[in-house]
Amino acid sequence: MKIHTGDTVVVITGKDKGKTGTVIRVLPADNRVVVEGINMRVKHIKKTTQGAGQRIKFEAALSASNVMLVDPKTKKRTRVGYKVNEKGAKTRISKKSGEVIKTVSAVKAKSTKKTDNAKKDDGSPAKVTESGDKSPFWKRMGFGSQAQADAAGAGGTDAKDLKAAPTQHRAQGG
C-alpha cells in the first residue's frame, strides 16, 4: 500500500472532497485508511442505570483510492512512486516534485503512540503504549457495559453492594 500511517492526504472524491488530514490508521487487508477529521460518523450509546446516553463522533474508514498523498514540497496532491538506491533500500518519492516522502519511522504520528512521562520504580525509561489496539472504539474510550463494570469494580460501588442494598416497593408503601 502506498499510503502509510502519519502521511498527510487529501480526499479526492466523496462528501469530504478537498479536505486534508493525517492518516491515523491503515487497513491494508481491506485497502482502507482512517483519516483524522474525515468521514465522521456518530455512535449512539444507550443510557444505562450507571450513566447517561451519549453521542460519540469518530472517523470511519474510507477507501485508499479516494485519497491522494500531499507532496511535501508543493503541498499539492501527487501520485507515489518508488526509487531503489544502490544499497537496495526502497524509498517513496513524489511523482510531481521527485521529493522523498518521509517514512513512518522518521515521522512519529501523534495519535498512534503516547508515552508516560513518569519513570518506573527501578529507574527504567518510560513505557510506550499503543493506542491502535483492535478493540472497538467505544470500549477503548470507556463506554459500554464492560467498561462500566470495570469502573464499578475499580472504584466505590461493587456489584455485591448493589444486590445487598435494600429496595422499597410500592406494595411496602414507598
N, C-alpha and C. Protein backbone atom coordinates (compact mmCIF):
# COMPACT_ATOMS: atom_id res chain seq x y z
N MET A 1 0.84 -1.18 0.00
CA MET A 1 0.00 0.00 0.00
C MET A 1 0.89 1.24 0.00
N LYS A 2 0.54 2.23 -0.78
CA LYS A 2 1.39 3.40 -0.95
C LYS A 2 1.17 4.46 0.11
N ILE A 3 0.11 4.35 0.89
CA ILE A 3 -0.20 5.32 1.94
C ILE A 3 0.10 4.66 3.28
N HIS A 4 0.83 5.39 4.14
CA HIS A 4 1.24 4.86 5.43
C HIS A 4 0.69 5.74 6.56
N THR A 5 0.74 5.21 7.77
CA THR A 5 0.31 5.95 8.95
C THR A 5 1.19 7.19 9.12
N GLY A 6 0.57 8.32 9.39
CA GLY A 6 1.30 9.56 9.58
C GLY A 6 1.40 10.42 8.33
N ASP A 7 1.00 9.89 7.18
CA ASP A 7 1.03 10.66 5.93
C ASP A 7 -0.07 11.71 5.92
N THR A 8 0.18 12.82 5.24
CA THR A 8 -0.84 13.84 5.02
C THR A 8 -1.48 13.56 3.66
N VAL A 9 -2.80 13.42 3.64
CA VAL A 9 -3.51 13.09 2.41
C VAL A 9 -4.63 14.09 2.16
N VAL A 10 -5.09 14.14 0.91
CA VAL A 10 -6.22 14.95 0.52
C VAL A 10 -7.28 14.02 -0.06
N VAL A 11 -8.55 14.27 0.29
CA VAL A 11 -9.65 13.46 -0.21
C VAL A 11 -10.00 13.95 -1.61
N ILE A 12 -10.09 13.02 -2.58
CA ILE A 12 -10.32 13.42 -3.97
C ILE A 12 -11.74 13.16 -4.44
N THR A 13 -12.54 12.46 -3.66
CA THR A 13 -13.93 12.21 -4.04
C THR A 13 -14.77 11.97 -2.78
N GLY A 14 -16.07 12.20 -2.91
CA GLY A 14 -16.98 11.96 -1.80
C GLY A 14 -17.40 13.24 -1.12
N LYS A 15 -18.08 13.09 0.01
CA LYS A 15 -18.64 14.26 0.71
C LYS A 15 -17.57 15.17 1.30
N ASP A 16 -16.39 14.65 1.58
CA ASP A 16 -15.31 15.44 2.16
C ASP A 16 -14.26 15.83 1.11
N LYS A 17 -14.64 15.90 -0.15
CA LYS A 17 -13.71 16.19 -1.24
C LYS A 17 -12.99 17.51 -0.98
N GLY A 18 -11.65 17.50 -1.14
CA GLY A 18 -10.84 18.69 -0.98
C GLY A 18 -10.26 18.87 0.42
N LYS A 19 -10.76 18.13 1.41
CA LYS A 19 -10.25 18.25 2.77
C LYS A 19 -8.95 17.45 2.93
N THR A 20 -8.07 17.96 3.78
CA THR A 20 -6.82 17.26 4.05
C THR A 20 -6.79 16.81 5.50
N GLY A 21 -6.01 15.77 5.76
CA GLY A 21 -5.88 15.26 7.11
C GLY A 21 -4.73 14.28 7.20
N THR A 22 -4.44 13.87 8.41
CA THR A 22 -3.36 12.93 8.67
C THR A 22 -3.93 11.52 8.81
N VAL A 23 -3.25 10.55 8.24
CA VAL A 23 -3.70 9.16 8.32
C VAL A 23 -3.44 8.65 9.72
N ILE A 24 -4.50 8.19 10.38
CA ILE A 24 -4.42 7.67 11.74
C ILE A 24 -4.13 6.17 11.71
N ARG A 25 -4.79 5.47 10.80
CA ARG A 25 -4.71 4.02 10.77
C ARG A 25 -4.82 3.54 9.33
N VAL A 26 -4.10 2.49 9.00
CA VAL A 26 -4.13 1.90 7.66
C VAL A 26 -4.63 0.47 7.80
N LEU A 27 -5.60 0.09 6.96
CA LEU A 27 -6.14 -1.26 6.95
C LEU A 27 -5.80 -1.89 5.60
N PRO A 28 -4.59 -2.45 5.44
CA PRO A 28 -4.16 -2.91 4.12
C PRO A 28 -4.96 -4.10 3.59
N ALA A 29 -5.50 -4.94 4.46
CA ALA A 29 -6.28 -6.10 4.01
C ALA A 29 -7.55 -5.65 3.30
N ASP A 30 -8.12 -4.53 3.73
CA ASP A 30 -9.35 -4.01 3.13
C ASP A 30 -9.09 -2.87 2.17
N ASN A 31 -7.82 -2.46 2.01
CA ASN A 31 -7.44 -1.31 1.18
C ASN A 31 -8.17 -0.05 1.62
N ARG A 32 -8.19 0.18 2.94
CA ARG A 32 -8.88 1.33 3.50
C ARG A 32 -7.95 2.08 4.46
N VAL A 33 -8.26 3.36 4.68
CA VAL A 33 -7.49 4.20 5.61
C VAL A 33 -8.46 4.98 6.48
N VAL A 34 -8.00 5.33 7.68
CA VAL A 34 -8.75 6.20 8.58
C VAL A 34 -7.99 7.51 8.66
N VAL A 35 -8.67 8.62 8.31
CA VAL A 35 -8.02 9.93 8.25
C VAL A 35 -8.63 10.81 9.34
N GLU A 36 -7.77 11.54 10.04
CA GLU A 36 -8.18 12.38 11.15
C GLU A 36 -9.13 13.49 10.67
N GLY A 37 -10.34 13.54 11.24
CA GLY A 37 -11.31 14.59 10.93
C GLY A 37 -12.08 14.39 9.64
N ILE A 38 -11.89 13.27 8.95
CA ILE A 38 -12.56 13.00 7.67
C ILE A 38 -13.49 11.81 7.84
N ASN A 39 -14.64 11.85 7.14
CA ASN A 39 -15.63 10.76 7.14
C ASN A 39 -16.15 10.50 8.56
N MET A 40 -16.58 11.58 9.21
CA MET A 40 -17.03 11.50 10.60
C MET A 40 -18.38 10.78 10.70
N ARG A 41 -18.50 9.93 11.69
CA ARG A 41 -19.72 9.19 11.99
C ARG A 41 -20.11 9.45 13.44
N VAL A 42 -21.35 9.09 13.79
CA VAL A 42 -21.83 9.27 15.16
C VAL A 42 -22.30 7.92 15.68
N LYS A 43 -21.79 7.53 16.84
CA LYS A 43 -22.21 6.31 17.51
C LYS A 43 -23.05 6.71 18.71
N HIS A 44 -24.25 6.18 18.81
CA HIS A 44 -25.15 6.50 19.91
C HIS A 44 -25.00 5.42 20.98
N ILE A 45 -24.71 5.84 22.20
CA ILE A 45 -24.59 4.93 23.33
C ILE A 45 -25.86 5.06 24.16
N LYS A 46 -26.55 3.96 24.36
CA LYS A 46 -27.81 3.98 25.10
C LYS A 46 -27.56 4.26 26.57
N LYS A 47 -28.47 4.98 27.20
CA LYS A 47 -28.32 5.28 28.62
C LYS A 47 -28.48 4.00 29.43
N THR A 48 -27.79 3.96 30.56
CA THR A 48 -27.88 2.84 31.47
C THR A 48 -28.18 3.38 32.86
N THR A 49 -28.32 2.48 33.80
CA THR A 49 -28.58 2.93 35.17
C THR A 49 -27.36 3.62 35.77
N GLN A 50 -26.16 3.32 35.23
CA GLN A 50 -24.96 3.92 35.77
C GLN A 50 -24.53 5.19 35.05
N GLY A 51 -25.07 5.44 33.86
CA GLY A 51 -24.63 6.63 33.12
C GLY A 51 -25.64 7.09 32.10
N ALA A 52 -25.48 8.33 31.69
CA ALA A 52 -26.38 8.91 30.70
C ALA A 52 -26.01 8.43 29.30
N GLY A 53 -26.93 8.54 28.38
CA GLY A 53 -26.66 8.22 26.99
C GLY A 53 -25.73 9.25 26.38
N GLN A 54 -25.01 8.84 25.35
CA GLN A 54 -24.05 9.75 24.73
C GLN A 54 -24.02 9.57 23.22
N ARG A 55 -23.53 10.60 22.56
CA ARG A 55 -23.26 10.54 21.12
C ARG A 55 -21.76 10.73 20.96
N ILE A 56 -21.11 9.76 20.34
CA ILE A 56 -19.67 9.80 20.16
C ILE A 56 -19.37 9.97 18.67
N LYS A 57 -18.57 10.98 18.36
CA LYS A 57 -18.14 11.19 16.97
C LYS A 57 -16.81 10.49 16.77
N PHE A 58 -16.68 9.79 15.63
CA PHE A 58 -15.44 9.09 15.32
C PHE A 58 -15.23 9.07 13.82
N GLU A 59 -14.00 8.80 13.41
CA GLU A 59 -13.65 8.74 12.00
C GLU A 59 -13.85 7.32 11.49
N ALA A 60 -14.61 7.17 10.42
CA ALA A 60 -14.79 5.87 9.80
C ALA A 60 -13.76 5.70 8.69
N ALA A 61 -13.49 4.46 8.34
CA ALA A 61 -12.51 4.18 7.30
C ALA A 61 -13.08 4.55 5.93
N LEU A 62 -12.20 4.98 5.03
CA LEU A 62 -12.60 5.22 3.66
C LEU A 62 -11.60 4.55 2.75
N SER A 63 -12.00 4.31 1.52
CA SER A 63 -11.16 3.58 0.58
C SER A 63 -9.87 4.36 0.29
N ALA A 64 -8.78 3.62 0.19
CA ALA A 64 -7.49 4.25 -0.09
C ALA A 64 -7.47 4.87 -1.48
N SER A 65 -8.36 4.43 -2.37
CA SER A 65 -8.41 5.01 -3.71
C SER A 65 -9.07 6.39 -3.72
N ASN A 66 -9.71 6.75 -2.62
CA ASN A 66 -10.38 8.05 -2.53
C ASN A 66 -9.49 9.14 -1.95
N VAL A 67 -8.24 8.81 -1.63
CA VAL A 67 -7.32 9.80 -1.10
C VAL A 67 -6.02 9.78 -1.90
N MET A 68 -5.35 10.94 -1.93
CA MET A 68 -4.04 11.04 -2.56
C MET A 68 -3.08 11.71 -1.58
N LEU A 69 -1.84 11.33 -1.69
CA LEU A 69 -0.81 11.88 -0.84
C LEU A 69 -0.54 13.34 -1.19
N VAL A 70 -0.22 14.15 -0.17
CA VAL A 70 0.13 15.55 -0.40
C VAL A 70 1.64 15.63 -0.56
N ASP A 71 2.08 16.30 -1.64
CA ASP A 71 3.50 16.47 -1.92
C ASP A 71 4.12 17.35 -0.85
N PRO A 72 5.23 16.92 -0.22
CA PRO A 72 5.83 17.73 0.85
C PRO A 72 6.42 19.05 0.36
N LYS A 73 6.75 19.14 -0.92
CA LYS A 73 7.37 20.35 -1.45
C LYS A 73 6.33 21.34 -1.98
N THR A 74 5.42 20.88 -2.84
CA THR A 74 4.46 21.78 -3.48
C THR A 74 3.14 21.90 -2.72
N LYS A 75 2.92 21.02 -1.74
CA LYS A 75 1.69 21.00 -0.93
C LYS A 75 0.44 20.74 -1.78
N LYS A 76 0.62 20.07 -2.93
CA LYS A 76 -0.50 19.67 -3.78
C LYS A 76 -0.53 18.15 -3.84
N ARG A 77 -1.66 17.60 -4.28
CA ARG A 77 -1.77 16.15 -4.31
C ARG A 77 -0.87 15.57 -5.41
N THR A 78 -0.39 14.37 -5.15
CA THR A 78 0.55 13.73 -6.06
C THR A 78 0.41 12.22 -6.00
N ARG A 79 0.88 11.59 -7.06
CA ARG A 79 0.97 10.13 -7.05
C ARG A 79 2.28 9.74 -6.37
N VAL A 80 2.36 8.47 -5.99
CA VAL A 80 3.52 7.99 -5.27
C VAL A 80 4.31 7.05 -6.17
N GLY A 81 5.62 7.24 -6.21
CA GLY A 81 6.50 6.34 -6.93
C GLY A 81 7.54 5.78 -5.97
N TYR A 82 8.34 4.86 -6.48
CA TYR A 82 9.38 4.25 -5.66
C TYR A 82 10.71 4.39 -6.36
N LYS A 83 11.75 4.54 -5.56
CA LYS A 83 13.11 4.60 -6.08
C LYS A 83 13.97 3.68 -5.21
N VAL A 84 14.78 2.85 -5.89
CA VAL A 84 15.67 1.94 -5.18
C VAL A 84 17.08 2.49 -5.31
N ASN A 85 17.75 2.71 -4.18
CA ASN A 85 19.11 3.24 -4.23
C ASN A 85 20.12 2.11 -4.43
N GLU A 86 21.41 2.44 -4.50
CA GLU A 86 22.43 1.45 -4.78
C GLU A 86 22.59 0.41 -3.68
N LYS A 87 22.15 0.73 -2.46
CA LYS A 87 22.20 -0.24 -1.36
C LYS A 87 21.02 -1.20 -1.39
N GLY A 88 20.02 -0.91 -2.22
CA GLY A 88 18.85 -1.77 -2.32
C GLY A 88 17.69 -1.31 -1.46
N ALA A 89 17.81 -0.15 -0.82
CA ALA A 89 16.74 0.38 0.01
C ALA A 89 15.69 1.06 -0.87
N LYS A 90 14.45 0.76 -0.62
CA LYS A 90 13.34 1.30 -1.41
C LYS A 90 12.74 2.49 -0.67
N THR A 91 12.61 3.63 -1.37
CA THR A 91 12.03 4.83 -0.76
C THR A 91 10.88 5.32 -1.62
N ARG A 92 9.90 5.94 -0.94
CA ARG A 92 8.78 6.53 -1.67
C ARG A 92 9.16 7.92 -2.14
N ILE A 93 8.77 8.26 -3.36
CA ILE A 93 9.03 9.60 -3.88
C ILE A 93 7.74 10.18 -4.45
N SER A 94 7.69 11.50 -4.50
CA SER A 94 6.57 12.20 -5.10
C SER A 94 6.78 12.26 -6.60
N LYS A 95 5.75 11.94 -7.38
CA LYS A 95 5.86 11.98 -8.84
C LYS A 95 5.92 13.41 -9.35
N LYS A 96 5.33 14.37 -8.62
CA LYS A 96 5.32 15.76 -9.08
C LYS A 96 6.66 16.43 -8.93
N SER A 97 7.23 16.34 -7.74
CA SER A 97 8.47 17.07 -7.47
C SER A 97 9.70 16.19 -7.38
N GLY A 98 9.53 14.88 -7.26
CA GLY A 98 10.67 13.99 -7.09
C GLY A 98 11.20 13.98 -5.67
N GLU A 99 10.54 14.70 -4.77
CA GLU A 99 10.93 14.79 -3.36
C GLU A 99 10.70 13.45 -2.66
N VAL A 100 11.61 13.08 -1.76
CA VAL A 100 11.46 11.86 -0.98
C VAL A 100 10.39 12.08 0.08
N ILE A 101 9.49 11.12 0.19
CA ILE A 101 8.42 11.19 1.20
C ILE A 101 8.92 10.47 2.43
N LYS A 102 8.92 11.16 3.56
CA LYS A 102 9.43 10.58 4.81
C LYS A 102 8.58 9.39 5.22
N THR A 103 9.25 8.38 5.76
CA THR A 103 8.57 7.16 6.16
C THR A 103 8.03 7.27 7.58
N VAL A 104 7.27 6.27 7.99
CA VAL A 104 6.65 6.27 9.31
C VAL A 104 7.69 6.28 10.41
N SER A 105 8.82 5.60 10.21
CA SER A 105 9.83 5.56 11.26
C SER A 105 10.45 6.94 11.48
N ALA A 106 10.50 7.76 10.41
CA ALA A 106 11.04 9.11 10.55
C ALA A 106 10.01 10.08 11.10
N VAL A 107 8.74 9.84 10.81
CA VAL A 107 7.67 10.70 11.28
C VAL A 107 6.85 9.92 12.28
N LYS A 108 6.84 10.37 13.54
CA LYS A 108 6.04 9.70 14.55
C LYS A 108 4.68 10.35 14.60
N ALA A 109 3.65 9.55 14.32
CA ALA A 109 2.29 10.07 14.35
C ALA A 109 1.89 10.29 15.80
N LYS A 110 1.34 11.47 16.09
CA LYS A 110 0.96 11.82 17.46
C LYS A 110 -0.18 10.95 17.96
N SER A 111 -1.09 10.57 17.08
CA SER A 111 -2.28 9.84 17.50
C SER A 111 -2.04 8.35 17.67
N THR A 112 -0.89 7.81 17.24
CA THR A 112 -0.70 6.38 17.36
C THR A 112 0.07 5.96 18.60
N LYS A 113 0.96 6.81 19.10
CA LYS A 113 1.74 6.44 20.28
C LYS A 113 1.73 7.57 21.29
N LYS A 114 1.73 7.17 22.57
CA LYS A 114 1.88 8.16 23.62
C LYS A 114 2.78 7.57 24.70
N THR A 115 3.52 8.40 25.38
CA THR A 115 4.45 7.92 26.40
C THR A 115 4.02 8.44 27.76
N ASP A 116 4.35 7.64 28.75
CA ASP A 116 4.13 8.07 30.13
C ASP A 116 5.39 8.79 30.59
N ASN A 117 5.26 10.01 31.09
CA ASN A 117 6.42 10.79 31.50
C ASN A 117 7.06 10.27 32.78
N ALA A 118 6.29 9.60 33.60
CA ALA A 118 6.82 9.10 34.87
C ALA A 118 7.72 7.90 34.61
N LYS A 119 8.80 7.81 35.37
CA LYS A 119 9.69 6.65 35.26
C LYS A 119 9.22 5.58 36.21
N LYS A 120 9.60 4.34 35.90
CA LYS A 120 9.25 3.23 36.75
C LYS A 120 10.06 3.29 38.04
N ASP A 121 9.68 2.45 39.02
CA ASP A 121 10.36 2.44 40.31
C ASP A 121 11.83 2.04 40.17
N ASP A 122 12.14 1.15 39.23
CA ASP A 122 13.52 0.70 39.07
C ASP A 122 14.36 1.66 38.25
N GLY A 123 13.81 2.80 37.82
CA GLY A 123 14.56 3.81 37.09
C GLY A 123 14.64 3.57 35.59
N SER A 124 13.93 2.55 35.08
CA SER A 124 13.97 2.28 33.64
C SER A 124 13.16 3.34 32.89
N PRO A 125 13.38 3.50 31.59
CA PRO A 125 12.68 4.55 30.85
C PRO A 125 11.18 4.33 30.79
N ALA A 126 10.48 5.38 30.40
CA ALA A 126 9.02 5.35 30.37
C ALA A 126 8.52 4.33 29.36
N LYS A 127 7.35 3.80 29.63
CA LYS A 127 6.74 2.79 28.79
C LYS A 127 6.01 3.45 27.62
N VAL A 128 6.11 2.86 26.43
CA VAL A 128 5.40 3.35 25.25
C VAL A 128 4.19 2.46 25.05
N THR A 129 3.01 3.08 24.97
CA THR A 129 1.79 2.31 24.80
C THR A 129 1.21 2.58 23.43
N GLU A 130 0.62 1.56 22.83
CA GLU A 130 -0.02 1.68 21.52
C GLU A 130 -1.51 1.92 21.74
N SER A 131 -2.06 2.94 21.10
CA SER A 131 -3.49 3.17 21.19
C SER A 131 -4.22 2.54 20.01
N GLY A 132 -3.49 1.91 19.11
CA GLY A 132 -4.09 1.30 17.93
C GLY A 132 -4.47 -0.14 18.15
N ASP A 133 -5.00 -0.49 19.36
CA ASP A 133 -5.39 -1.86 19.59
C ASP A 133 -6.64 -2.20 18.80
N LYS A 134 -6.99 -3.48 18.78
CA LYS A 134 -8.04 -3.98 17.90
C LYS A 134 -9.43 -3.92 18.52
N SER A 135 -9.58 -3.45 19.75
CA SER A 135 -10.90 -3.40 20.37
C SER A 135 -11.71 -2.24 19.78
N PRO A 136 -13.04 -2.33 19.82
CA PRO A 136 -13.87 -1.25 19.29
C PRO A 136 -13.63 0.06 20.03
N PHE A 137 -13.85 1.17 19.34
CA PHE A 137 -13.52 2.47 19.90
C PHE A 137 -14.30 2.78 21.16
N TRP A 138 -15.53 2.31 21.29
CA TRP A 138 -16.32 2.66 22.47
C TRP A 138 -15.79 1.91 23.70
N LYS A 139 -15.13 0.77 23.50
CA LYS A 139 -14.51 0.09 24.63
C LYS A 139 -13.20 0.77 25.00
N ARG A 140 -12.43 1.24 23.98
CA ARG A 140 -11.18 1.94 24.25
C ARG A 140 -11.44 3.25 24.96
N MET A 141 -12.58 3.91 24.65
CA MET A 141 -12.88 5.21 25.22
C MET A 141 -13.59 5.10 26.56
N GLY A 142 -13.92 3.88 26.99
CA GLY A 142 -14.52 3.70 28.31
C GLY A 142 -16.03 3.71 28.30
N PHE A 143 -16.63 3.29 27.19
CA PHE A 143 -18.08 3.21 27.11
C PHE A 143 -18.49 1.75 27.01
N GLY A 144 -19.76 1.48 27.23
CA GLY A 144 -20.26 0.12 27.12
C GLY A 144 -20.36 -0.54 28.47
N SER A 145 -21.06 -1.66 28.50
CA SER A 145 -21.34 -2.33 29.76
C SER A 145 -20.07 -2.90 30.40
N GLN A 146 -19.13 -3.43 29.59
CA GLN A 146 -17.90 -3.98 30.16
C GLN A 146 -17.05 -2.90 30.81
N ALA A 147 -16.92 -1.74 30.15
CA ALA A 147 -16.13 -0.65 30.71
C ALA A 147 -16.77 -0.11 31.98
N GLN A 148 -18.11 -0.05 31.99
CA GLN A 148 -18.79 0.43 33.18
C GLN A 148 -18.67 -0.57 34.32
N ALA A 149 -18.66 -1.87 33.99
CA ALA A 149 -18.47 -2.88 35.01
C ALA A 149 -17.06 -2.80 35.59
N ASP A 150 -16.08 -2.54 34.71
CA ASP A 150 -14.71 -2.37 35.18
C ASP A 150 -14.60 -1.16 36.10
N ALA A 151 -15.25 -0.06 35.72
CA ALA A 151 -15.21 1.15 36.53
C ALA A 151 -15.91 0.94 37.88
N ALA A 152 -17.02 0.20 37.86
CA ALA A 152 -17.74 -0.06 39.10
C ALA A 152 -16.92 -0.95 40.02
N GLY A 153 -16.19 -1.90 39.43
CA GLY A 153 -15.35 -2.79 40.23
C GLY A 153 -14.14 -2.08 40.79
N ALA A 154 -13.60 -1.13 40.04
CA ALA A 154 -12.39 -0.44 40.45
C ALA A 154 -12.66 0.64 41.50
N GLY A 155 -13.75 1.34 41.35
CA GLY A 155 -13.99 2.45 42.26
C GLY A 155 -15.33 2.36 42.93
N GLY A 156 -15.34 2.45 44.23
CA GLY A 156 -16.56 2.61 45.01
C GLY A 156 -17.52 1.45 44.97
N THR A 157 -18.64 1.61 44.29
CA THR A 157 -19.75 0.68 44.33
C THR A 157 -19.40 -0.63 43.66
N ASP A 158 -19.66 -1.71 44.35
CA ASP A 158 -19.39 -3.03 43.82
C ASP A 158 -20.73 -3.68 43.46
N ALA A 159 -20.71 -4.68 42.60
CA ALA A 159 -21.94 -5.35 42.20
C ALA A 159 -22.59 -6.02 43.40
N LYS A 160 -21.77 -6.53 44.35
CA LYS A 160 -22.33 -7.15 45.55
C LYS A 160 -23.07 -6.13 46.41
N ASP A 161 -22.54 -4.92 46.49
CA ASP A 161 -23.18 -3.86 47.27
C ASP A 161 -24.54 -3.50 46.69
N LEU A 162 -24.63 -3.52 45.35
CA LEU A 162 -25.90 -3.17 44.72
C LEU A 162 -26.96 -4.22 45.00
N LYS A 163 -26.56 -5.51 45.03
CA LYS A 163 -27.52 -6.57 45.30
C LYS A 163 -27.96 -6.55 46.76
N ALA A 164 -27.04 -6.21 47.64
CA ALA A 164 -27.35 -6.23 49.07
C ALA A 164 -28.13 -4.99 49.52
N ALA A 165 -28.19 -3.96 48.69
CA ALA A 165 -28.87 -2.73 49.10
C ALA A 165 -30.37 -2.97 49.20
N PRO A 166 -31.00 -2.48 50.28
CA PRO A 166 -32.43 -2.68 50.44
C PRO A 166 -33.22 -1.82 49.45
N THR A 167 -34.29 -2.38 48.93
CA THR A 167 -35.14 -1.64 47.99
C THR A 167 -36.54 -1.56 48.57
N GLN A 168 -37.21 -0.48 48.25
CA GLN A 168 -38.59 -0.32 48.68
C GLN A 168 -39.49 -0.47 47.48
N HIS A 169 -40.57 -1.19 47.66
CA HIS A 169 -41.52 -1.41 46.58
C HIS A 169 -42.81 -0.67 46.89
N ARG A 170 -43.62 -0.50 45.90
CA ARG A 170 -44.90 0.21 46.10
C ARG A 170 -45.78 -0.52 47.08
N ALA A 171 -45.69 -1.83 47.07
CA ALA A 171 -46.52 -2.63 47.99
C ALA A 171 -46.11 -2.36 49.44
N GLN A 172 -44.86 -1.96 49.67
CA GLN A 172 -44.40 -1.69 51.02
C GLN A 172 -44.66 -0.25 51.44
N GLY A 173 -45.23 0.51 50.56
CA GLY A 173 -45.58 1.88 50.92
C GLY A 173 -44.49 2.89 50.61
N GLY A 174 -43.60 2.63 49.72
CA GLY A 174 -42.54 3.57 49.50
C GLY A 174 -42.30 3.73 48.08
